[in-house]
């Protein structure tokens, strides 16, 4: 299955396994890799561990994330007071 823009410049071929690498999953959600990694760390998107250090993402999980209407929005959590950089002037 090929997913992407109609002009053909930005297409993504989904493997039959339905598992995508991090960069492909970020493209699928049309967000940056850093935003995607933040979504994974926050638990919004589950990951599938293939082997040590190798993770993939199911297209069905990404579709479920999109259907929830939480495309790339994350709640902002400020740094705890004890971790904030202290500035003295």
PDB file of N, CA and C in Angstrom:
ATOM      1  N   UNK A   1       0.846  -1.164   0.000  1.00  0.00           N
ATOM      2  CA  UNK A   1       0.000   0.000   0.000  1.00  0.00           C
ATOM      3  C   UNK A   1       0.895   1.232   0.000  1.00  0.00           C
ATOM      4  N   UNK A   2       0.579   2.209  -0.812  1.00  0.00           N
ATOM      5  CA  UNK A   2       1.329   3.452  -0.857  1.00  0.00           C
ATOM      6  C   UNK A   2       0.465   4.555  -0.288  1.00  0.00           C
ATOM      7  N   UNK A   3       1.046   5.327   0.593  1.00  0.00           N
ATOM      8  CA  UNK A   3       0.345   6.410   1.247  1.00  0.00           C
ATOM      9  C   UNK A   3       1.114   7.680   0.981  1.00  0.00           C
ATOM     10  N   UNK A   4       0.423   8.768   0.707  1.00  0.00           N
ATOM     11  CA  UNK A   4       1.138  10.023   0.511  1.00  0.00           C
ATOM     12  C   UNK A   4       0.320  11.020  -0.267  1.00  0.00           C
ATOM     13  N   UNK A   5       0.970  12.078  -0.685  1.00  0.00           N
ATOM     14  CA  UNK A   5       0.315  13.138  -1.434  1.00  0.00           C
ATOM     15  C   UNK A   5       0.015  12.667  -2.847  1.00  0.00           C
ATOM     16  N   UNK A   6      -0.988  13.278  -3.439  1.00  0.00           N
ATOM     17  CA  UNK A   6      -1.405  12.875  -4.779  1.00  0.00           C
ATOM     18  C   UNK A   6      -0.386  13.250  -5.843  1.00  0.00           C
ATOM     19  N   UNK A   7       0.429  14.254  -5.589  1.00  0.00           N
ATOM     20  CA  UNK A   7       1.388  14.664  -6.608  1.00  0.00           C
ATOM     21  C   UNK A   7       2.549  13.687  -6.749  1.00  0.00           C
ATOM     22  N   UNK A   8       2.638  12.706  -5.854  1.00  0.00           N
ATOM     23  CA  UNK A   8       3.648  11.677  -5.973  1.00  0.00           C
ATOM     24  C   UNK A   8       5.013  12.050  -5.424  1.00  0.00           C
ATOM     25  N   UNK A   9       5.187  13.293  -4.999  1.00  0.00           N
ATOM     26  CA  UNK A   9       6.504  13.705  -4.488  1.00  0.00           C
ATOM     27  C   UNK A   9       6.771  13.174  -3.084  1.00  0.00           C
ATOM     28  N   UNK A  10       5.735  12.979  -2.309  1.00  0.00           N
ATOM     29  CA  UNK A  10       5.934  12.550  -0.931  1.00  0.00           C
ATOM     30  C   UNK A  10       5.078  11.322  -0.664  1.00  0.00           C
ATOM     31  N   UNK A  11       5.575  10.174  -1.048  1.00  0.00           N
ATOM     32  CA  UNK A  11       4.814   8.951  -0.842  1.00  0.00           C
ATOM     33  C   UNK A  11       5.550   8.043   0.135  1.00  0.00           C
ATOM     34  N   UNK A  12       4.796   7.185   0.758  1.00  0.00           N
ATOM     35  CA  UNK A  12       5.341   6.256   1.733  1.00  0.00           C
ATOM     36  C   UNK A  12       4.743   4.897   1.436  1.00  0.00           C
ATOM     37  N   UNK A  13       5.578   3.925   1.164  1.00  0.00           N
ATOM     38  CA  UNK A  13       5.107   2.578   0.903  1.00  0.00           C
ATOM     39  C   UNK A  13       5.078   1.818   2.218  1.00  0.00           C
ATOM     40  N   UNK A  14       3.911   1.303   2.559  1.00  0.00           N
ATOM     41  CA  UNK A  14       3.743   0.569   3.807  1.00  0.00           C
ATOM     42  C   UNK A  14       4.022  -0.901   3.542  1.00  0.00           C
ATOM     43  N   UNK A  15       4.956  -1.490   4.288  1.00  0.00           N
ATOM     44  CA  UNK A  15       5.270  -2.907   4.083  1.00  0.00           C
ATOM     45  C   UNK A  15       4.091  -3.795   4.456  1.00  0.00           C
ATOM     46  N   UNK A  16       4.072  -5.000   3.922  1.00  0.00           N
ATOM     47  CA  UNK A  16       2.976  -5.927   4.197  1.00  0.00           C
ATOM     48  C   UNK A  16       2.849  -6.260   5.670  1.00  0.00           C
ATOM     49  N   UNK A  17       3.951  -6.195   6.399  1.00  0.00           N
ATOM     50  CA  UNK A  17       3.910  -6.480   7.833  1.00  0.00           C
ATOM     51  C   UNK A  17       3.120  -5.424   8.593  1.00  0.00           C
ATOM     52  N   UNK A  18       2.966  -4.230   7.998  1.00  0.00           N
ATOM     53  CA  UNK A  18       2.246  -3.151   8.660  1.00  0.00           C
ATOM     54  C   UNK A  18       3.058  -2.466   9.734  1.00  0.00           C
ATOM     55  N   UNK A  19       4.378  -2.705   9.739  1.00  0.00           N
ATOM     56  CA  UNK A  19       5.261  -2.105  10.731  1.00  0.00           C
ATOM     57  C   UNK A  19       6.143  -1.059  10.068  1.00  0.00           C
ATOM     58  N   UNK A  20       6.226   0.107  10.680  1.00  0.00           N
ATOM     59  CA  UNK A  20       7.015   1.204  10.129  1.00  0.00           C
ATOM     60  C   UNK A  20       8.174   1.558  11.053  1.00  0.00           C
ATOM     61  N   UNK A  21       9.267   2.029  10.452  1.00  0.00           N
ATOM     62  CA  UNK A  21      10.391   2.556  11.228  1.00  0.00           C
ATOM     63  C   UNK A  21       9.989   3.920  11.785  1.00  0.00           C
ATOM     64  N   UNK A  22      10.778   4.427  12.705  1.00  0.00           N
ATOM     65  CA  UNK A  22      10.467   5.703  13.354  1.00  0.00           C
ATOM     66  C   UNK A  22      10.280   6.826  12.344  1.00  0.00           C
ATOM     67  N   UNK A  23      11.227   6.979  11.418  1.00  0.00           N
ATOM     68  CA  UNK A  23      11.133   8.086  10.466  1.00  0.00           C
ATOM     69  C   UNK A  23       9.928   7.947   9.547  1.00  0.00           C
ATOM     70  N   UNK A  24       9.583   6.718   9.172  1.00  0.00           N
ATOM     71  CA  UNK A  24       8.410   6.508   8.319  1.00  0.00           C
ATOM     72  C   UNK A  24       7.117   6.745   9.090  1.00  0.00           C
ATOM     73  N   UNK A  25       7.096   6.344  10.349  1.00  0.00           N
ATOM     74  CA  UNK A  25       5.906   6.570  11.177  1.00  0.00           C
ATOM     75  C   UNK A  25       5.676   8.065  11.383  1.00  0.00           C
ATOM     76  N   UNK A  26       6.754   8.823  11.562  1.00  0.00           N
ATOM     77  CA  UNK A  26       6.631  10.276  11.703  1.00  0.00           C
ATOM     78  C   UNK A  26       6.085  10.889  10.415  1.00  0.00           C
ATOM     79  N   UNK A  27       6.579  10.429   9.278  1.00  0.00           N
ATOM     80  CA  UNK A  27       6.056  10.916   7.991  1.00  0.00           C
ATOM     81  C   UNK A  27       4.592  10.558   7.835  1.00  0.00           C
ATOM     82  N   UNK A  28       4.206   9.363   8.278  1.00  0.00           N
ATOM     83  CA  UNK A  28       2.814   8.915   8.185  1.00  0.00           C
ATOM     84  C   UNK A  28       1.900   9.857   8.970  1.00  0.00           C
ATOM     85  N   UNK A  29       2.373  10.322  10.119  1.00  0.00           N
ATOM     86  CA  UNK A  29       1.579  11.250  10.935  1.00  0.00           C
ATOM     87  C   UNK A  29       1.811  12.704  10.554  1.00  0.00           C
ATOM     88  N   UNK A  30       2.661  12.937   9.573  1.00  0.00           N
ATOM     89  CA  UNK A  30       3.050  14.273   9.110  1.00  0.00           C
ATOM     90  C   UNK A  30       3.532  15.147  10.268  1.00  0.00           C
ATOM     91  N   UNK A  31       4.471  14.622  11.021  1.00  0.00           N
ATOM     92  CA  UNK A  31       5.104  15.399  12.089  1.00  0.00           C
ATOM     93  C   UNK A  31       6.605  15.133  12.037  1.00  0.00           C
ATOM     94  N   UNK A  32       7.348  15.892  12.802  1.00  0.00           N
ATOM     95  CA  UNK A  32       8.799  15.692  12.832  1.00  0.00           C
ATOM     96  C   UNK A  32       9.137  14.440  13.634  1.00  0.00           C
ATOM     97  N   UNK A  33      10.341  13.942  13.439  1.00  0.00           N
ATOM     98  CA  UNK A  33      10.774  12.765  14.193  1.00  0.00           C
ATOM     99  C   UNK A  33      10.849  13.069  15.683  1.00  0.00           C
ATOM    100  N   UNK A  34      11.286  14.273  16.034  1.00  0.00           N
ATOM    101  CA  UNK A  34      11.385  14.610  17.455  1.00  0.00           C
ATOM    102  C   UNK A  34       9.999  14.663  18.103  1.00  0.00           C
ATOM    103  N   UNK A  35       9.012  15.188  17.394  1.00  0.00           N
ATOM    104  CA  UNK A  35       7.644  15.202  17.917  1.00  0.00           C
ATOM    105  C   UNK A  35       7.116  13.788  18.036  1.00  0.00           C
ATOM    106  N   UNK A  36       7.397  12.961  17.044  1.00  0.00           N
ATOM    107  CA  UNK A  36       6.942  11.581  17.089  1.00  0.00           C
ATOM    108  C   UNK A  36       7.554  10.841  18.277  1.00  0.00           C
ATOM    109  N   UNK A  37       8.852  11.035  18.492  1.00  0.00           N
ATOM    110  CA  UNK A  37       9.516  10.382  19.623  1.00  0.00           C
ATOM    111  C   UNK A  37       8.927  10.843  20.947  1.00  0.00           C
ATOM    112  N   UNK A  38       8.535  12.118  21.013  1.00  0.00           N
ATOM    113  CA  UNK A  38       7.889  12.646  22.216  1.00  0.00           C
ATOM    114  C   UNK A  38       6.539  11.974  22.437  1.00  0.00           C
ATOM    115  N   UNK A  39       5.795  11.741  21.357  1.00  0.00           N
ATOM    116  CA  UNK A  39       4.510  11.042  21.455  1.00  0.00           C
ATOM    117  C   UNK A  39       4.700   9.615  21.965  1.00  0.00           C
ATOM    118  N   UNK A  40       5.743   8.962  21.504  1.00  0.00           N
ATOM    119  CA  UNK A  40       6.027   7.590  21.937  1.00  0.00           C
ATOM    120  C   UNK A  40       6.418   7.582  23.410  1.00  0.00           C
ATOM    121  N   UNK A  41       7.322   8.500  23.797  1.00  0.00           N
ATOM    122  CA  UNK A  41       7.751   8.566  25.203  1.00  0.00           C
ATOM    123  C   UNK A  41       6.598   8.856  26.139  1.00  0.00           C
ATOM    124  N   UNK A  42       5.647   9.670  25.693  1.00  0.00           N
ATOM    125  CA  UNK A  42       4.518  10.035  26.552  1.00  0.00           C
ATOM    126  C   UNK A  42       3.461   8.936  26.616  1.00  0.00           C
ATOM    127  N   UNK A  43       3.621   7.895  25.795  1.00  0.00           N
ATOM    128  CA  UNK A  43       2.680   6.780  25.826  1.00  0.00           C
ATOM    129  C   UNK A  43       1.499   6.923  24.889  1.00  0.00           C
ATOM    130  N   UNK A  44       1.475   7.972  24.085  1.00  0.00           N
ATOM    131  CA  UNK A  44       0.364   8.178  23.144  1.00  0.00           C
ATOM    132  C   UNK A  44       0.378   7.153  22.016  1.00  0.00           C
ATOM    133  N   UNK A  45       1.564   6.690  21.654  1.00  0.00           N
ATOM    134  CA  UNK A  45       1.711   5.732  20.564  1.00  0.00           C
ATOM    135  C   UNK A  45       2.528   4.542  21.070  1.00  0.00           C
ATOM    136  N   UNK A  46       1.958   3.333  20.996  1.00  0.00           N
ATOM    137  CA  UNK A  46       2.709   2.155  21.439  1.00  0.00           C
ATOM    138  C   UNK A  46       3.765   1.743  20.422  1.00  0.00           C
ATOM    139  N   UNK A  47       4.825   1.118  20.926  1.00  0.00           N
ATOM    140  CA  UNK A  47       5.883   0.637  20.038  1.00  0.00           C
ATOM    141  C   UNK A  47       5.959  -0.875  20.132  1.00  0.00           C
ATOM    142  N   UNK A  48       6.470  -1.483  19.075  1.00  0.00           N
ATOM    143  CA  UNK A  48       6.665  -2.929  19.029  1.00  0.00           C
ATOM    144  C   UNK A  48       8.158  -3.187  18.985  1.00  0.00           C
ATOM    145  N   UNK A  49       8.672  -3.867  19.982  1.00  0.00           N
ATOM    146  CA  UNK A  49      10.108  -4.156  20.042  1.00  0.00           C
ATOM    147  C   UNK A  49      10.394  -5.405  19.201  1.00  0.00           C
ATOM    148  N   UNK A  50      11.208  -5.243  18.177  1.00  0.00           N
ATOM    149  CA  UNK A  50      11.571  -6.339  17.286  1.00  0.00           C
ATOM    150  C   UNK A  50      12.739  -7.119  17.884  1.00  0.00           C
ATOM    151  N   UNK A  51      13.757  -6.418  18.323  1.00  0.00           N
ATOM    152  CA  UNK A  51      14.912  -7.008  18.992  1.00  0.00           C
ATOM    153  C   UNK A  51      15.551  -5.901  19.825  1.00  0.00           C
ATOM    154  N   UNK A  52      16.669  -6.187  20.440  1.00  0.00           N
ATOM    155  CA  UNK A  52      17.331  -5.185  21.272  1.00  0.00           C
ATOM    156  C   UNK A  52      17.655  -3.942  20.447  1.00  0.00           C
ATOM    157  N   UNK A  53      17.102  -2.821  20.834  1.00  0.00           N
ATOM    158  CA  UNK A  53      17.377  -1.565  20.148  1.00  0.00           C
ATOM    159  C   UNK A  53      16.618  -1.349  18.854  1.00  0.00           C
ATOM    160  N   UNK A  54      15.761  -2.283  18.462  1.00  0.00           N
ATOM    161  CA  UNK A  54      15.010  -2.144  17.211  1.00  0.00           C
ATOM    162  C   UNK A  54      13.516  -2.109  17.532  1.00  0.00           C
ATOM    163  N   UNK A  55      12.895  -0.985  17.227  1.00  0.00           N
ATOM    164  CA  UNK A  55      11.455  -0.867  17.455  1.00  0.00           C
ATOM    165  C   UNK A  55      10.764  -0.489  16.146  1.00  0.00           C
ATOM    166  N   UNK A  56       9.530  -0.895  16.026  1.00  0.00           N
ATOM    167  CA  UNK A  56       8.695  -0.558  14.878  1.00  0.00           C
ATOM    168  C   UNK A  56       7.330  -0.123  15.403  1.00  0.00           C
ATOM    169  N   UNK A  57       6.548   0.469  14.515  1.00  0.00           N
ATOM    170  CA  UNK A  57       5.244   0.993  14.892  1.00  0.00           C
ATOM    171  C   UNK A  57       4.181   0.467  13.941  1.00  0.00           C
ATOM    172  N   UNK A  58       3.112  -0.053  14.512  1.00  0.00           N
ATOM    173  CA  UNK A  58       2.023  -0.611  13.700  1.00  0.00           C
ATOM    174  C   UNK A  58       1.201   0.510  13.080  1.00  0.00           C
ATOM    175  N   UNK A  59       0.880   0.356  11.811  1.00  0.00           N
ATOM    176  CA  UNK A  59       0.067   1.335  11.110  1.00  0.00           C
ATOM    177  C   UNK A  59      -1.306   1.439  11.785  1.00  0.00           C
ATOM    178  N   UNK A  60      -1.827   0.319  12.271  1.00  0.00           N
ATOM    179  CA  UNK A  60      -3.136   0.349  12.934  1.00  0.00           C
ATOM    180  C   UNK A  60      -3.098   1.214  14.193  1.00  0.00           C
ATOM    181  N   UNK A  61      -1.972   1.191  14.923  1.00  0.00           N
ATOM    182  CA  UNK A  61      -1.836   2.049  16.108  1.00  0.00           C
ATOM    183  C   UNK A  61      -1.750   3.520  15.715  1.00  0.00           C
ATOM    184  N   UNK A  62      -1.063   3.798  14.616  1.00  0.00           N
ATOM    185  CA  UNK A  62      -0.961   5.182  14.141  1.00  0.00           C
ATOM    186  C   UNK A  62      -2.321   5.691  13.671  1.00  0.00           C
ATOM    187  N   UNK A  63      -3.078   4.831  12.985  1.00  0.00           N
ATOM    188  CA  UNK A  63      -4.425   5.212  12.547  1.00  0.00           C
ATOM    189  C   UNK A  63      -5.332   5.468  13.747  1.00  0.00           C
ATOM    190  N   UNK A  64      -5.213   4.636  14.775  1.00  0.00           N
ATOM    191  CA  UNK A  64      -6.011   4.821  15.986  1.00  0.00           C
ATOM    192  C   UNK A  64      -5.673   6.153  16.649  1.00  0.00           C
ATOM    193  N   UNK A  65      -4.410   6.502  16.637  1.00  0.00           N
ATOM    194  CA  UNK A  65      -3.985   7.781  17.209  1.00  0.00           C
ATOM    195  C   UNK A  65      -4.618   8.938  16.434  1.00  0.00           C
ATOM    196  N   UNK A  66      -4.629   8.828  15.114  1.00  0.00           N
ATOM    197  CA  UNK A  66      -5.240   9.878  14.291  1.00  0.00           C
ATOM    198  C   UNK A  66      -6.746   9.960  14.513  1.00  0.00           C
ATOM    199  N   UNK A  67      -7.391   8.814  14.660  1.00  0.00           N
ATOM    200  CA  UNK A  67      -8.838   8.797  14.866  1.00  0.00           C
ATOM    201  C   UNK A  67      -9.245   9.391  16.202  1.00  0.00           C
ATOM    202  N   UNK A  68      -8.365   9.286  17.202  1.00  0.00           N
ATOM    203  CA  UNK A  68      -8.660   9.882  18.509  1.00  0.00           C
ATOM    204  C   UNK A  68      -8.658  11.399  18.432  1.00  0.00           C
ATOM    205  N   UNK A  69      -8.166  11.932  17.337  1.00  0.00           N
ATOM    206  CA  UNK A  69      -8.142  13.378  17.181  1.00  0.00           C
ATOM    207  C   UNK A  69      -6.979  14.035  17.897  1.00  0.00           C
ATOM    208  N   UNK A  70      -5.989  13.256  18.259  1.00  0.00           N
ATOM    209  CA  UNK A  70      -4.825  13.784  18.972  1.00  0.00           C
ATOM    210  C   UNK A  70      -3.635  13.756  18.042  1.00  0.00           C
ATOM    211  N   UNK A  71      -3.770  14.337  16.896  1.00  0.00           N
ATOM    212  CA  UNK A  71      -2.787  14.234  15.828  1.00  0.00           C
ATOM    213  C   UNK A  71      -1.357  14.375  16.317  1.00  0.00           C
ATOM    214  N   UNK A  72      -0.953  15.554  16.731  1.00  0.00           N
ATOM    215  CA  UNK A  72       0.388  15.708  17.278  1.00  0.00           C
ATOM    216  C   UNK A  72       0.368  16.597  18.518  1.00  0.00           C
ATOM    217  N   UNK A  73      -0.805  16.886  19.023  1.00  0.00           N
ATOM    218  CA  UNK A  73      -0.895  17.777  20.182  1.00  0.00           C
ATOM    219  C   UNK A  73      -0.418  17.064  21.436  1.00  0.00           C
ATOM    220  N   UNK A  74       0.422  17.720  22.165  1.00  0.00           N
ATOM    221  CA  UNK A  74       0.907  17.201  23.439  1.00  0.00           C
ATOM    222  C   UNK A  74       0.649  18.233  24.517  1.00  0.00           C
ATOM    223  N   UNK A  75       0.364  17.768  25.703  1.00  0.00           N
ATOM    224  CA  UNK A  75       0.214  18.699  26.811  1.00  0.00           C
ATOM    225  C   UNK A  75       1.588  19.211  27.197  1.00  0.00           C
ATOM    226  N   UNK A  76       1.671  20.490  27.473  1.00  0.00           N
ATOM    227  CA  UNK A  76       2.935  21.077  27.881  1.00  0.00           C
ATOM    228  C   UNK A  76       3.114  20.863  29.376  1.00  0.00           C
ATOM    229  N   UNK A  77       4.213  20.274  29.743  1.00  0.00           N
ATOM    230  CA  UNK A  77       4.539  20.086  31.148  1.00  0.00           C
ATOM    231  C   UNK A  77       5.827  20.834  31.429  1.00  0.00           C
ATOM    232  N   UNK A  78       5.762  21.887  32.240  1.00  0.00           N
ATOM    233  CA  UNK A  78       6.990  22.631  32.519  1.00  0.00           C
ATOM    234  C   UNK A  78       7.950  21.813  33.365  1.00  0.00           C
ATOM    235  N   UNK A  79       9.218  22.182  33.302  1.00  0.00           N
ATOM    236  CA  UNK A  79      10.232  21.509  34.116  1.00  0.00           C
ATOM    237  C   UNK A  79       9.916  21.720  35.578  1.00  0.00           C
ATOM    238  N   UNK A  80      10.144  20.715  36.419  1.00  0.00           N
ATOM    239  CA  UNK A  80       9.977  20.908  37.860  1.00  0.00           C
ATOM    240  C   UNK A  80      10.938  21.989  38.351  1.00  0.00           C
ATOM    241  N   UNK A  81      10.539  22.671  39.391  1.00  0.00           N
ATOM    242  CA  UNK A  81      11.315  23.797  39.905  1.00  0.00           C
ATOM    243  C   UNK A  81      12.769  23.426  40.186  1.00  0.00           C
ATOM    244  N   UNK A  82      13.021  22.252  40.748  1.00  0.00           N
ATOM    245  CA  UNK A  82      14.385  21.890  41.102  1.00  0.00           C
ATOM    246  C   UNK A  82      15.268  21.582  39.887  1.00  0.00           C
ATOM    247  N   UNK A  83      14.673  21.429  38.705  1.00  0.00           N
ATOM    248  CA  UNK A  83      15.456  21.163  37.502  1.00  0.00           C
ATOM    249  C   UNK A  83      15.635  22.389  36.620  1.00  0.00           C
ATOM    250  N   UNK A  84      14.959  23.468  36.962  1.00  0.00           N
ATOM    251  CA  UNK A  84      15.067  24.677  36.142  1.00  0.00           C
ATOM    252  C   UNK A  84      16.433  25.323  36.318  1.00  0.00           C
ATOM    253  N   UNK A  85      16.903  25.917  35.258  1.00  0.00           N
ATOM    254  CA  UNK A  85      18.212  26.593  35.286  1.00  0.00           C
ATOM    255  C   UNK A  85      18.091  27.862  36.124  1.00  0.00           C
ATOM    256  N   UNK A  86      18.993  28.004  37.027  1.00  0.00           N
ATOM    257  CA  UNK A  86      18.985  29.173  37.900  1.00  0.00           C
ATOM    258  C   UNK A  86      19.823  30.283  37.250  1.00  0.00           C
ATOM    259  N   UNK A  87      19.255  31.458  37.211  1.00  0.00           N
ATOM    260  CA  UNK A  87      20.004  32.598  36.691  1.00  0.00           C
ATOM    261  C   UNK A  87      20.073  33.662  37.779  1.00  0.00           C
ATOM    262  N   UNK A  88      21.234  34.195  37.993  1.00  0.00           N
ATOM    263  CA  UNK A  88      21.380  35.264  38.976  1.00  0.00           C
ATOM    264  C   UNK A  88      21.947  36.498  38.276  1.00  0.00           C
ATOM    265  N   UNK A  89      21.360  37.595  38.571  1.00  0.00           N
ATOM    266  CA  UNK A  89      21.806  38.843  37.935  1.00  0.00           C
ATOM    267  C   UNK A  89      22.077  39.884  38.969  1.00  0.00           C
TER     268      UNK A  89
END
